[in-house]
Protein backbone atom coordinates (compact mmCIF):
# COMPACT_ATOMS: atom_id res chain seq x y z
CA UNK A 1 -74.32 60.19 -7.75
CA UNK A 2 -70.37 58.78 -7.29
CA UNK A 3 -71.61 57.81 -3.67
CA UNK A 4 -74.60 55.96 -4.95
CA UNK A 5 -72.40 54.16 -7.60
CA UNK A 6 -69.73 52.97 -4.81
CA UNK A 7 -72.50 51.78 -2.69
CA UNK A 8 -73.74 49.97 -5.23
CA UNK A 9 -70.30 48.63 -5.97
CA UNK A 10 -69.82 47.56 -2.76
CA UNK A 11 -72.78 45.48 -2.38
CA UNK A 12 -71.89 43.89 -5.69
CA UNK A 13 -68.15 43.16 -4.15
CA UNK A 14 -69.83 41.50 -0.96
CA UNK A 15 -72.03 39.22 -2.88
CA UNK A 16 -69.05 38.46 -5.19
CA UNK A 17 -66.93 37.43 -2.10
CA UNK A 18 -70.22 35.58 -0.51
CA UNK A 19 -70.77 33.56 -3.85
CA UNK A 20 -67.11 33.05 -4.32
CA UNK A 21 -67.09 31.26 -0.55
CA UNK A 22 -70.19 29.50 -1.45
CA UNK A 23 -68.85 28.06 -4.74
CA UNK A 24 -65.44 27.11 -3.01
CA UNK A 25 -67.11 25.39 -0.17
CA UNK A 26 -69.07 23.62 -2.76
CA UNK A 27 -72.60 24.49 -1.23
CA UNK A 28 -73.24 26.25 -4.80
CA UNK A 29 -71.93 24.14 -7.82
CA UNK A 30 -68.99 25.36 -9.82
CA UNK A 31 -70.43 25.81 -13.19
CA UNK A 32 -69.07 23.75 -16.19
CA UNK A 33 -65.45 23.60 -17.04
CA UNK A 34 -63.68 26.71 -17.04
CA UNK A 35 -66.86 28.99 -16.65
CA UNK A 36 -66.36 29.13 -12.82
CA UNK A 37 -65.12 32.85 -12.90
CA UNK A 38 -68.17 33.86 -15.14
CA UNK A 39 -70.63 31.58 -13.07
CA UNK A 40 -69.41 33.48 -9.68
CA UNK A 41 -69.66 37.14 -11.19
CA UNK A 42 -72.83 36.11 -12.89
CA UNK A 43 -74.52 34.66 -9.80
CA UNK A 44 -73.17 37.69 -7.55
CA UNK A 45 -74.58 40.35 -10.30
CA UNK A 46 -78.14 38.44 -9.85
CA UNK A 47 -77.98 38.63 -6.01
CA UNK A 48 -76.73 42.24 -5.78
CA UNK A 49 -79.37 43.86 -7.84
CA UNK A 50 -82.23 43.25 -5.73
CA UNK A 51 -80.59 43.70 -2.78
CA UNK A 52 -79.41 47.16 -4.20
CA UNK A 53 -82.73 48.20 -5.07
CA UNK A 54 -84.17 47.44 -1.69
CA UNK A 55 -81.10 48.78 0.56
CA UNK A 56 -80.54 51.75 -1.58
CA UNK A 57 -83.65 53.16 -2.23
CA UNK A 58 -83.25 56.54 -0.29
CA UNK A 59 -79.80 57.02 -1.82
CA UNK A 60 -81.22 56.41 -5.32
CA UNK A 61 -84.04 58.93 -4.43
CA UNK A 62 -81.47 61.56 -3.43
CA UNK A 63 -79.09 61.13 -6.62
CA UNK A 64 -82.44 61.11 -8.79
CA UNK A 65 -83.24 64.68 -7.27
CA UNK A 66 -79.73 65.80 -8.05
CA UNK A 67 -80.13 64.84 -11.61
CA UNK A 68 -83.73 66.57 -11.93
CA UNK A 69 -81.96 69.89 -10.43
CA UNK A 70 -79.01 69.89 -13.11
CA UNK A 71 -81.51 68.95 -16.08
CA UNK A 72 -83.81 71.77 -15.06
CA UNK A 73 -80.64 74.07 -14.59
CA UNK A 74 -79.59 72.90 -18.19
CA UNK A 75 -83.04 73.49 -19.70
CA UNK A 76 -83.28 77.01 -18.02
CA UNK A 77 -79.76 77.93 -19.27
CA UNK A 78 -80.69 76.54 -22.84
CA UNK A 79 -83.87 78.61 -22.79
CA UNK A 80 -81.97 82.07 -21.91
CA UNK A 81 -79.51 81.47 -24.76
CA UNK A 82 -81.86 80.68 -27.07
CA UNK A 83 -83.77 84.11 -26.16
CA UNK A 84 -80.71 86.05 -26.53
CA UNK A 85 -79.91 84.73 -29.88
CA UNK A 86 -83.42 85.43 -30.94
CA UNK A 87 -83.02 89.23 -29.48
CA UNK A 88 -80.13 89.40 -31.49
CA UNK A 89 -81.53 87.98 -34.56
CA UNK A 90 -84.54 90.42 -34.32
CA UNK A 91 -82.19 93.42 -33.86
CA UNK A 92 -80.16 92.48 -36.91
CA UNK A 93 -83.12 91.91 -39.09
CA UNK A 94 -84.58 95.19 -37.73
CA UNK A 95 -81.42 96.90 -38.80
CA UNK A 96 -81.50 95.14 -42.26
CA UNK A 97 -84.89 96.31 -43.18
CA UNK A 98 -84.34 99.72 -42.17
CA UNK A 99 -80.98 100.07 -43.98
CA UNK A 100 -82.64 99.65 -47.69
CA UNK A 101 -85.52 102.24 -46.46
CA UNK A 102 -82.90 104.85 -45.82
CA UNK A 103 -81.33 104.04 -49.08
CA UNK A 104 -84.24 105.06 -51.02
CA UNK A 105 -84.98 108.27 -49.54
CA UNK A 106 -81.29 109.74 -50.18
CA UNK A 107 -81.71 108.97 -54.12
């Protein structure tokens, strides 16, 4: 997951450098007034999203498989804990049900 995030960040930084160069050389408009920085970042985000979607497809699939494995492991652990709690609860209830019956026979 970290690898995918770093690759995505690298694509964004590359787009940011390219857009900044295009704005600096006046191929792309500078924006309105003091909005130049925001314009460059926004345009870099818009360009990097589809590039990342296409270029990082295999890495995204690999990361999603790892996430699914973690979720399945967590679900299995929760089910195991839940069944342990149920077993303990059942044994306590059985012990409590047996205790009053023993007390009645002693009197």
